[in-house]
Amino acid sequence: MSSSLHQLFHAIATTKDEHELRMRFMDSVGGYFNVQRWGIHMFNEDSSYSAVEVYGMSNIDNFIELDAEVGRNVDPVLRYVTERHAPAHEEMVLPVGGWKQCELYQNCCAYYDHEHIMTGPIVGTGKLVGAVHFARIGETPAFNYQDITDLSSICMHLSASIAALKTQQTQQNIFTSPFSKLLTPREIQIAELVAQGLTNKEIGAELWITQNSVKQALKRMFLKLKVSSRTEMVAKL
């Protein structure tokens, strides 16, 4: 593995916007997992693609079109990731010998010599907002337990960074009141998510903190702002 996890974490954490985050991730992660092809897909509310970046392929548009029309509907690895919000590779979700018999391989991956695949989740507001994909071609080893463990850590950092960037972007337009200066940056993040209508549980999932931490933070915020409800807090801000 040619680069360290900590270098990748730093690259993810020190970005100005989501586009730069995707580019830094794509530039850094391929060598780490010794893959020939890799990509990142971000989803709209209707689960269509909002952004796609793919490295290692010359016919990217054809692949993206085939994946959108065929691959996503029959992808057993993506199905596992979507249901569990956890990374997986083909040997985790299919029986022995099942990979080359499945619809995804026969109708999509076989055309591109994808002998092994691995996918990880990008999550936000309690749902899948994107995914990262890796493929090894030809006579290469399958992904293993350590790959899955490392990808889990990477996806956690990706999810947290994207959530923070989205919060910063929205925050610039929402909180114009001078009362917002009474709150810490983390409290501003919580208030912004409250304004979006998220529950304490959903806010905790978005910010990677416990539901009780959200509850206690809101109590402090109410005291600072001298309000007694979430609606009153958002209106005051």
C-alpha atoms as a PDB file:
ATOM      1  CA  MET A   1       0.000   0.000   0.000  1.00  0.00           C
ATOM      2  CA  SER A   2       1.608   3.189  -1.223  1.00  0.00           C
ATOM      3  CA  SER A   3       0.021   5.831   0.997  1.00  0.00           C
ATOM      4  CA  SER A   4      -0.992   5.988   4.643  1.00  0.00           C
ATOM      5  CA  LEU A   5      -4.484   6.246   6.023  1.00  0.00           C
ATOM      6  CA  HIS A   6      -3.558   9.339   8.008  1.00  0.00           C
ATOM      7  CA  GLN A   7      -2.453  11.147   4.845  1.00  0.00           C
ATOM      8  CA  LEU A   8      -5.775  10.277   3.259  1.00  0.00           C
ATOM      9  CA  PHE A   9      -7.710  11.388   6.351  1.00  0.00           C
ATOM     10  CA  HIS A  10      -5.851  14.713   6.278  1.00  0.00           C
ATOM     11  CA  ALA A  11      -6.593  15.198   2.587  1.00  0.00           C
ATOM     12  CA  ILE A  12     -10.288  14.563   3.233  1.00  0.00           C
ATOM     13  CA  ALA A  13     -10.447  16.876   6.252  1.00  0.00           C
ATOM     14  CA  THR A  14      -8.685  19.899   4.709  1.00  0.00           C
ATOM     15  CA  THR A  15     -10.961  20.676   1.771  1.00  0.00           C
ATOM     16  CA  LYS A  16     -12.917  23.850   0.992  1.00  0.00           C
ATOM     17  CA  ASP A  17     -15.866  22.303  -0.827  1.00  0.00           C
ATOM     18  CA  GLU A  18     -17.359  18.985  -1.901  1.00  0.00           C
ATOM     19  CA  HIS A  19     -15.807  19.059  -5.377  1.00  0.00           C
ATOM     20  CA  GLU A  20     -12.310  19.465  -3.948  1.00  0.00           C
ATOM     21  CA  LEU A  21     -13.061  16.703  -1.447  1.00  0.00           C
ATOM     22  CA  ARG A  22     -13.993  14.293  -4.241  1.00  0.00           C
ATOM     23  CA  MET A  23     -10.877  15.177  -6.228  1.00  0.00           C
ATOM     24  CA  ARG A  24      -8.513  14.761  -3.276  1.00  0.00           C
ATOM     25  CA  PHE A  25     -10.107  11.463  -2.375  1.00  0.00           C
ATOM     26  CA  MET A  26      -9.881  10.148  -5.919  1.00  0.00           C
ATOM     27  CA  ASP A  27      -6.256  11.251  -6.300  1.00  0.00           C
ATOM     28  CA  SER A  28      -5.189   9.555  -3.052  1.00  0.00           C
ATOM     29  CA  VAL A  29      -7.196   6.377  -2.562  1.00  0.00           C
ATOM     30  CA  GLY A  30      -6.410   4.272  -5.635  1.00  0.00           C
ATOM     31  CA  GLY A  31      -2.849   3.491  -4.653  1.00  0.00           C
ATOM     32  CA  TYR A  32      -3.857   2.639  -1.116  1.00  0.00           C
ATOM     33  CA  PHE A  33      -6.046  -0.294  -2.117  1.00  0.00           C
ATOM     34  CA  ASN A  34      -3.891  -1.412  -5.067  1.00  0.00           C
ATOM     35  CA  VAL A  35      -6.798  -1.110  -7.489  1.00  0.00           C
ATOM     36  CA  GLN A  36      -6.778  -0.376 -11.181  1.00  0.00           C
ATOM     37  CA  ARG A  37     -10.178   1.345 -11.256  1.00  0.00           C
ATOM     38  CA  TRP A  38     -12.089   3.330  -8.671  1.00  0.00           C
ATOM     39  CA  GLY A  39     -14.875   5.854  -8.453  1.00  0.00           C
ATOM     40  CA  ILE A  40     -17.138   7.953  -6.265  1.00  0.00           C
ATOM     41  CA  HIS A  41     -20.868   8.463  -6.866  1.00  0.00           C
ATOM     42  CA  MET A  42     -23.059  11.025  -5.078  1.00  0.00           C
ATOM     43  CA  PHE A  43     -26.845  10.644  -5.099  1.00  0.00           C
ATOM     44  CA  ASN A  44     -29.751  13.064  -5.394  1.00  0.00           C
ATOM     45  CA  GLU A  45     -32.862  12.753  -3.231  1.00  0.00           C
ATOM     46  CA  ASP A  46     -34.393  10.418  -5.829  1.00  0.00           C
ATOM     47  CA  SER A  47     -31.232   8.238  -5.782  1.00  0.00           C
ATOM     48  CA  SER A  48     -30.130   9.407  -9.246  1.00  0.00           C
ATOM     49  CA  TYR A  49     -26.497  10.453  -9.687  1.00  0.00           C
ATOM     50  CA  SER A  50     -25.683  14.051  -8.748  1.00  0.00           C
ATOM     51  CA  ALA A  51     -21.925  13.646  -9.290  1.00  0.00           C
ATOM     52  CA  VAL A  52     -19.732  10.861 -10.642  1.00  0.00           C
ATOM     53  CA  GLU A  53     -15.950  10.575 -10.803  1.00  0.00           C
ATOM     54  CA  VAL A  54     -14.262   7.446 -12.199  1.00  0.00           C
ATOM     55  CA  TYR A  55     -10.527   6.822 -12.607  1.00  0.00           C
ATOM     56  CA  GLY A  56      -8.689   4.144 -14.555  1.00  0.00           C
ATOM     57  CA  MET A  57     -11.067   3.787 -17.510  1.00  0.00           C
ATOM     58  CA  SER A  58     -10.934   5.229 -21.018  1.00  0.00           C
ATOM     59  CA  ASN A  59     -14.638   4.775 -21.881  1.00  0.00           C
ATOM     60  CA  ILE A  60     -16.050   6.373 -18.748  1.00  0.00           C
ATOM     61  CA  ASP A  61     -19.299   7.669 -20.250  1.00  0.00           C
ATOM     62  CA  ASN A  62     -20.244   4.237 -21.594  1.00  0.00           C
ATOM     63  CA  PHE A  63     -19.480   2.613 -18.247  1.00  0.00           C
ATOM     64  CA  ILE A  64     -21.501   5.168 -16.274  1.00  0.00           C
ATOM     65  CA  GLU A  65     -24.441   4.741 -18.645  1.00  0.00           C
ATOM     66  CA  LEU A  66     -24.306   0.935 -18.386  1.00  0.00           C
ATOM     67  CA  ASP A  67     -23.958   1.083 -14.616  1.00  0.00           C
ATOM     68  CA  ALA A  68     -26.939   3.437 -14.277  1.00  0.00           C
ATOM     69  CA  GLU A  69     -29.164   1.389 -16.579  1.00  0.00           C
ATOM     70  CA  VAL A  70     -28.118  -2.125 -15.560  1.00  0.00           C
ATOM     71  CA  GLY A  71     -25.505  -2.341 -12.826  1.00  0.00           C
ATOM     72  CA  ARG A  72     -27.203  -0.522  -9.944  1.00  0.00           C
ATOM     73  CA  ASN A  73     -30.356  -2.577 -10.272  1.00  0.00           C
ATOM     74  CA  VAL A  74     -28.602  -5.947  -9.932  1.00  0.00           C
ATOM     75  CA  ASP A  75     -25.537  -5.070  -7.824  1.00  0.00           C
ATOM     76  CA  PRO A  76     -25.529  -7.396  -4.767  1.00  0.00           C
ATOM     77  CA  VAL A  77     -22.641  -5.521  -3.125  1.00  0.00           C
ATOM     78  CA  LEU A  78     -24.328  -2.120  -3.434  1.00  0.00           C
ATOM     79  CA  ARG A  79     -27.554  -3.677  -2.150  1.00  0.00           C
ATOM     80  CA  TYR A  80     -25.712  -4.874   0.975  1.00  0.00           C
ATOM     81  CA  VAL A  81     -24.095  -1.451   1.440  1.00  0.00           C
ATOM     82  CA  THR A  82     -27.434   0.332   1.015  1.00  0.00           C
ATOM     83  CA  GLU A  83     -29.204  -1.886   3.527  1.00  0.00           C
ATOM     84  CA  ARG A  84     -26.478  -1.922   6.194  1.00  0.00           C
ATOM     85  CA  HIS A  85     -24.472   1.283   5.594  1.00  0.00           C
ATOM     86  CA  ALA A  86     -21.333  -0.854   5.806  1.00  0.00           C
ATOM     87  CA  PRO A  87     -18.657  -1.645   3.185  1.00  0.00           C
ATOM     88  CA  ALA A  88     -18.565  -4.999   1.400  1.00  0.00           C
ATOM     89  CA  HIS A  89     -16.904  -6.942  -1.417  1.00  0.00           C
ATOM     90  CA  GLU A  90     -18.360  -9.643  -3.627  1.00  0.00           C
ATOM     91  CA  GLU A  91     -17.094 -12.606  -1.589  1.00  0.00           C
ATOM     92  CA  MET A  92     -18.900 -11.282   1.505  1.00  0.00           C
ATOM     93  CA  VAL A  93     -22.363 -11.233  -0.070  1.00  0.00           C
ATOM     94  CA  LEU A  94     -22.317 -14.094  -2.590  1.00  0.00           C
ATOM     95  CA  PRO A  95     -21.776 -17.848  -2.198  1.00  0.00           C
ATOM     96  CA  VAL A  96     -18.496 -19.401  -3.339  1.00  0.00           C
ATOM     97  CA  GLY A  97     -18.362 -19.197  -7.124  1.00  0.00           C
ATOM     98  CA  GLY A  98     -21.374 -16.901  -7.236  1.00  0.00           C
ATOM     99  CA  TRP A  99     -19.625 -13.766  -8.486  1.00  0.00           C
ATOM    100  CA  LYS A 100     -19.238 -14.782 -12.134  1.00  0.00           C
ATOM    101  CA  GLN A 101     -22.731 -16.253 -12.154  1.00  0.00           C
ATOM    102  CA  CYS A 102     -24.490 -13.106 -10.906  1.00  0.00           C
ATOM    103  CA  GLU A 103     -26.260 -10.611 -13.176  1.00  0.00           C
ATOM    104  CA  LEU A 104     -23.913  -7.740 -12.328  1.00  0.00           C
ATOM    105  CA  TYR A 105     -20.838  -9.609 -13.530  1.00  0.00           C
ATOM    106  CA  GLN A 106     -22.448 -11.071 -16.622  1.00  0.00           C
ATOM    107  CA  ASN A 107     -24.215  -7.895 -17.744  1.00  0.00           C
ATOM    108  CA  CYS A 108     -21.690  -5.252 -16.724  1.00  0.00           C
ATOM    109  CA  CYS A 109     -18.434  -6.130 -14.952  1.00  0.00           C
ATOM    110  CA  ALA A 110     -17.375  -8.885 -17.375  1.00  0.00           C
ATOM    111  CA  TYR A 111     -17.167  -6.297 -20.170  1.00  0.00           C
ATOM    112  CA  TYR A 112     -14.559  -4.382 -18.181  1.00  0.00           C
ATOM    113  CA  ASP A 113     -12.622  -7.335 -16.706  1.00  0.00           C
ATOM    114  CA  HIS A 114     -13.647  -6.445 -13.154  1.00  0.00           C
ATOM    115  CA  GLU A 115     -12.591  -9.612 -11.341  1.00  0.00           C
ATOM    116  CA  HIS A 116     -13.144  -8.227  -7.818  1.00  0.00           C
ATOM    117  CA  ILE A 117     -15.196  -5.286  -6.551  1.00  0.00           C
ATOM    118  CA  MET A 118     -15.582  -3.465  -3.230  1.00  0.00           C
ATOM    119  CA  THR A 119     -18.020  -0.699  -2.290  1.00  0.00           C
ATOM    120  CA  GLY A 120     -18.285   1.607   0.729  1.00  0.00           C
ATOM    121  CA  PRO A 121     -21.079   3.929   1.921  1.00  0.00           C
ATOM    122  CA  ILE A 122     -21.197   7.696   2.275  1.00  0.00           C
ATOM    123  CA  VAL A 123     -24.028   8.452   4.680  1.00  0.00           C
ATOM    124  CA  GLY A 124     -25.888  11.551   5.832  1.00  0.00           C
ATOM    125  CA  THR A 125     -29.195  12.271   7.586  1.00  0.00           C
ATOM    126  CA  GLY A 126     -29.600   8.564   8.236  1.00  0.00           C
ATOM    127  CA  LYS A 127     -29.437   7.460   4.601  1.00  0.00           C
ATOM    128  CA  LEU A 128     -27.003   6.667   1.792  1.00  0.00           C
ATOM    129  CA  VAL A 129     -25.971   9.883   0.009  1.00  0.00           C
ATOM    130  CA  GLY A 130     -23.131   8.381  -2.000  1.00  0.00           C
ATOM    131  CA  ALA A 131     -20.841   5.407  -2.481  1.00  0.00           C
ATOM    132  CA  VAL A 132     -17.216   4.678  -3.327  1.00  0.00           C
ATOM    133  CA  HIS A 133     -16.364   1.793  -5.632  1.00  0.00           C
ATOM    134  CA  PHE A 134     -13.166  -0.158  -6.299  1.00  0.00           C
ATOM    135  CA  ALA A 135     -12.337  -2.790  -8.915  1.00  0.00           C
ATOM    136  CA  ARG A 136      -9.358  -5.086  -9.443  1.00  0.00           C
ATOM    137  CA  ILE A 137      -8.889  -6.467 -12.919  1.00  0.00           C
ATOM    138  CA  GLY A 138      -7.338  -9.631 -14.323  1.00  0.00           C
ATOM    139  CA  GLU A 139      -5.360 -12.043 -12.163  1.00  0.00           C
ATOM    140  CA  THR A 140      -5.446 -10.036  -8.938  1.00  0.00           C
ATOM    141  CA  PRO A 141      -6.262 -11.079  -5.347  1.00  0.00           C
ATOM    142  CA  ALA A 142      -9.716 -10.512  -3.897  1.00  0.00           C
ATOM    143  CA  PHE A 143     -10.315  -7.808  -1.316  1.00  0.00           C
ATOM    144  CA  ASN A 144      -9.890  -8.996   2.266  1.00  0.00           C
ATOM    145  CA  TYR A 145     -10.872  -8.231   5.857  1.00  0.00           C
ATOM    146  CA  GLN A 146      -8.201  -5.530   6.249  1.00  0.00           C
ATOM    147  CA  ASP A 147      -9.400  -3.762   3.103  1.00  0.00           C
ATOM    148  CA  ILE A 148     -12.944  -3.699   4.492  1.00  0.00           C
ATOM    149  CA  THR A 149     -11.743  -2.387   7.872  1.00  0.00           C
ATOM    150  CA  ASP A 150      -9.723   0.396   6.266  1.00  0.00           C
ATOM    151  CA  LEU A 151     -12.551   1.324   3.897  1.00  0.00           C
ATOM    152  CA  SER A 152     -14.918   1.573   6.855  1.00  0.00           C
ATOM    153  CA  SER A 153     -12.621   4.168   8.451  1.00  0.00           C
ATOM    154  CA  ILE A 154     -12.257   6.081   5.197  1.00  0.00           C
ATOM    155  CA  CYS A 155     -16.021   6.190   4.648  1.00  0.00           C
ATOM    156  CA  MET A 156     -16.549   7.485   8.176  1.00  0.00           C
ATOM    157  CA  HIS A 157     -14.207  10.414   7.449  1.00  0.00           C
ATOM    158  CA  LEU A 158     -15.798  11.038   4.052  1.00  0.00           C
ATOM    159  CA  SER A 159     -19.290  11.085   5.522  1.00  0.00           C
ATOM    160  CA  ALA A 160     -18.314  13.435   8.352  1.00  0.00           C
ATOM    161  CA  SER A 161     -16.481  15.831   6.031  1.00  0.00           C
ATOM    162  CA  ILE A 162     -19.309  15.988   3.497  1.00  0.00           C
ATOM    163  CA  ALA A 163     -21.816  16.608   6.296  1.00  0.00           C
ATOM    164  CA  ALA A 164     -19.665  19.450   7.663  1.00  0.00           C
ATOM    165  CA  LEU A 165     -19.246  21.023   4.219  1.00  0.00           C
ATOM    166  CA  LYS A 166     -22.986  20.884   3.557  1.00  0.00           C
ATOM    167  CA  THR A 167     -23.653  22.457   6.954  1.00  0.00           C
ATOM    168  CA  GLN A 168     -21.185  25.274   6.299  1.00  0.00           C
ATOM    169  CA  GLN A 169     -22.727  25.936   2.886  1.00  0.00           C
ATOM    170  CA  THR A 170     -26.269  26.093   4.247  1.00  0.00           C
ATOM    171  CA  GLN A 171     -25.286  28.007   7.362  1.00  0.00           C
ATOM    172  CA  GLN A 172     -24.095  30.968   5.291  1.00  0.00           C
ATOM    173  CA  ASN A 173     -27.666  31.505   4.056  1.00  0.00           C
ATOM    174  CA  ILE A 174     -29.746  30.608   7.121  1.00  0.00           C
ATOM    175  CA  PHE A 175     -28.411  32.273  10.261  1.00  0.00           C
ATOM    176  CA  THR A 176     -28.282  36.049   9.815  1.00  0.00           C
ATOM    177  CA  SER A 177     -29.307  37.013  13.331  1.00  0.00           C
ATOM    178  CA  PRO A 178     -26.624  38.370  15.720  1.00  0.00           C
ATOM    179  CA  PHE A 179     -27.895  35.795  18.249  1.00  0.00           C
ATOM    180  CA  SER A 180     -26.037  33.130  16.265  1.00  0.00           C
ATOM    181  CA  LYS A 181     -22.785  34.540  17.680  1.00  0.00           C
ATOM    182  CA  LEU A 182     -23.825  33.182  21.091  1.00  0.00           C
ATOM    183  CA  LEU A 183     -23.402  29.621  19.823  1.00  0.00           C
ATOM    184  CA  THR A 184     -20.294  27.541  19.227  1.00  0.00           C
ATOM    185  CA  PRO A 185     -19.551  26.201  15.701  1.00  0.00           C
ATOM    186  CA  ARG A 186     -20.817  22.748  16.757  1.00  0.00           C
ATOM    187  CA  GLU A 187     -24.013  24.262  18.176  1.00  0.00           C
ATOM    188  CA  ILE A 188     -24.515  26.135  14.903  1.00  0.00           C
ATOM    189  CA  GLN A 189     -24.249  22.786  13.078  1.00  0.00           C
ATOM    190  CA  ILE A 190     -26.916  21.303  15.342  1.00  0.00           C
ATOM    191  CA  ALA A 191     -29.184  24.335  14.944  1.00  0.00           C
ATOM    192  CA  GLU A 192     -28.884  24.141  11.144  1.00  0.00           C
ATOM    193  CA  LEU A 193     -29.926  20.483  11.183  1.00  0.00           C
ATOM    194  CA  VAL A 194     -32.817  21.325  13.495  1.00  0.00           C
ATOM    195  CA  ALA A 195     -33.871  23.938  10.922  1.00  0.00           C
ATOM    196  CA  GLN A 196     -33.918  21.176   8.297  1.00  0.00           C
ATOM    197  CA  GLY A 197     -36.402  19.251  10.438  1.00  0.00           C
ATOM    198  CA  LEU A 198     -34.098  16.458  11.608  1.00  0.00           C
ATOM    199  CA  THR A 199     -34.791  14.578  14.841  1.00  0.00           C
ATOM    200  CA  ASN A 200     -32.205  14.255  17.614  1.00  0.00           C
ATOM    201  CA  LYS A 201     -31.444  10.739  16.419  1.00  0.00           C
ATOM    202  CA  GLU A 202     -30.932  11.904  12.826  1.00  0.00           C
ATOM    203  CA  ILE A 203     -28.760  14.820  13.958  1.00  0.00           C
ATOM    204  CA  GLY A 204     -26.610  12.426  15.974  1.00  0.00           C
ATOM    205  CA  ALA A 205     -26.161  10.174  12.937  1.00  0.00           C
ATOM    206  CA  GLU A 206     -25.266  13.154  10.733  1.00  0.00           C
ATOM    207  CA  LEU A 207     -22.666  14.574  13.146  1.00  0.00           C
ATOM    208  CA  TRP A 208     -21.387  11.235  14.519  1.00  0.00           C
ATOM    209  CA  ILE A 209     -22.440  11.995  18.100  1.00  0.00           C
ATOM    210  CA  THR A 210     -24.924  10.291  20.423  1.00  0.00           C
ATOM    211  CA  GLN A 211     -28.585  11.199  20.601  1.00  0.00           C
ATOM    212  CA  ASN A 212     -28.093  12.201  24.245  1.00  0.00           C
ATOM    213  CA  SER A 213     -25.256  14.554  23.250  1.00  0.00           C
ATOM    214  CA  VAL A 214     -27.654  16.295  20.866  1.00  0.00           C
ATOM    215  CA  LYS A 215     -30.272  16.555  23.604  1.00  0.00           C
ATOM    216  CA  GLN A 216     -27.820  18.089  26.094  1.00  0.00           C
ATOM    217  CA  ALA A 217     -26.467  20.505  23.468  1.00  0.00           C
ATOM    218  CA  LEU A 218     -29.989  21.721  22.697  1.00  0.00           C
ATOM    219  CA  LYS A 219     -30.612  22.382  26.386  1.00  0.00           C
ATOM    220  CA  ARG A 220     -27.494  24.590  26.517  1.00  0.00           C
ATOM    221  CA  MET A 221     -28.496  26.338  23.300  1.00  0.00           C
ATOM    222  CA  PHE A 222     -31.999  27.082  24.613  1.00  0.00           C
ATOM    223  CA  LEU A 223     -30.476  28.678  27.720  1.00  0.00           C
ATOM    224  CA  LYS A 224     -28.062  30.812  25.716  1.00  0.00           C
ATOM    225  CA  LEU A 225     -30.791  32.014  23.375  1.00  0.00           C
ATOM    226  CA  LYS A 226     -33.477  32.268  26.083  1.00  0.00           C
ATOM    227  CA  VAL A 227     -35.949  30.151  24.124  1.00  0.00           C
ATOM    228  CA  SER A 228     -38.029  27.129  25.093  1.00  0.00           C
ATOM    229  CA  SER A 229     -38.581  25.253  21.822  1.00  0.00           C
ATOM    230  CA  ARG A 230     -36.830  24.203  18.631  1.00  0.00           C
ATOM    231  CA  THR A 231     -39.169  26.336  16.520  1.00  0.00           C
ATOM    232  CA  GLU A 232     -38.506  29.423  18.646  1.00  0.00           C
ATOM    233  CA  MET A 233     -34.759  28.800  18.457  1.00  0.00           C
ATOM    234  CA  VAL A 234     -34.731  28.588  14.653  1.00  0.00           C
ATOM    235  CA  ALA A 235     -36.906  31.710  14.338  1.00  0.00           C
ATOM    236  CA  LYS A 236     -34.599  33.660  16.647  1.00  0.00           C
ATOM    237  CA  LEU A 237     -31.541  32.643  14.672  1.00  0.00           C
END
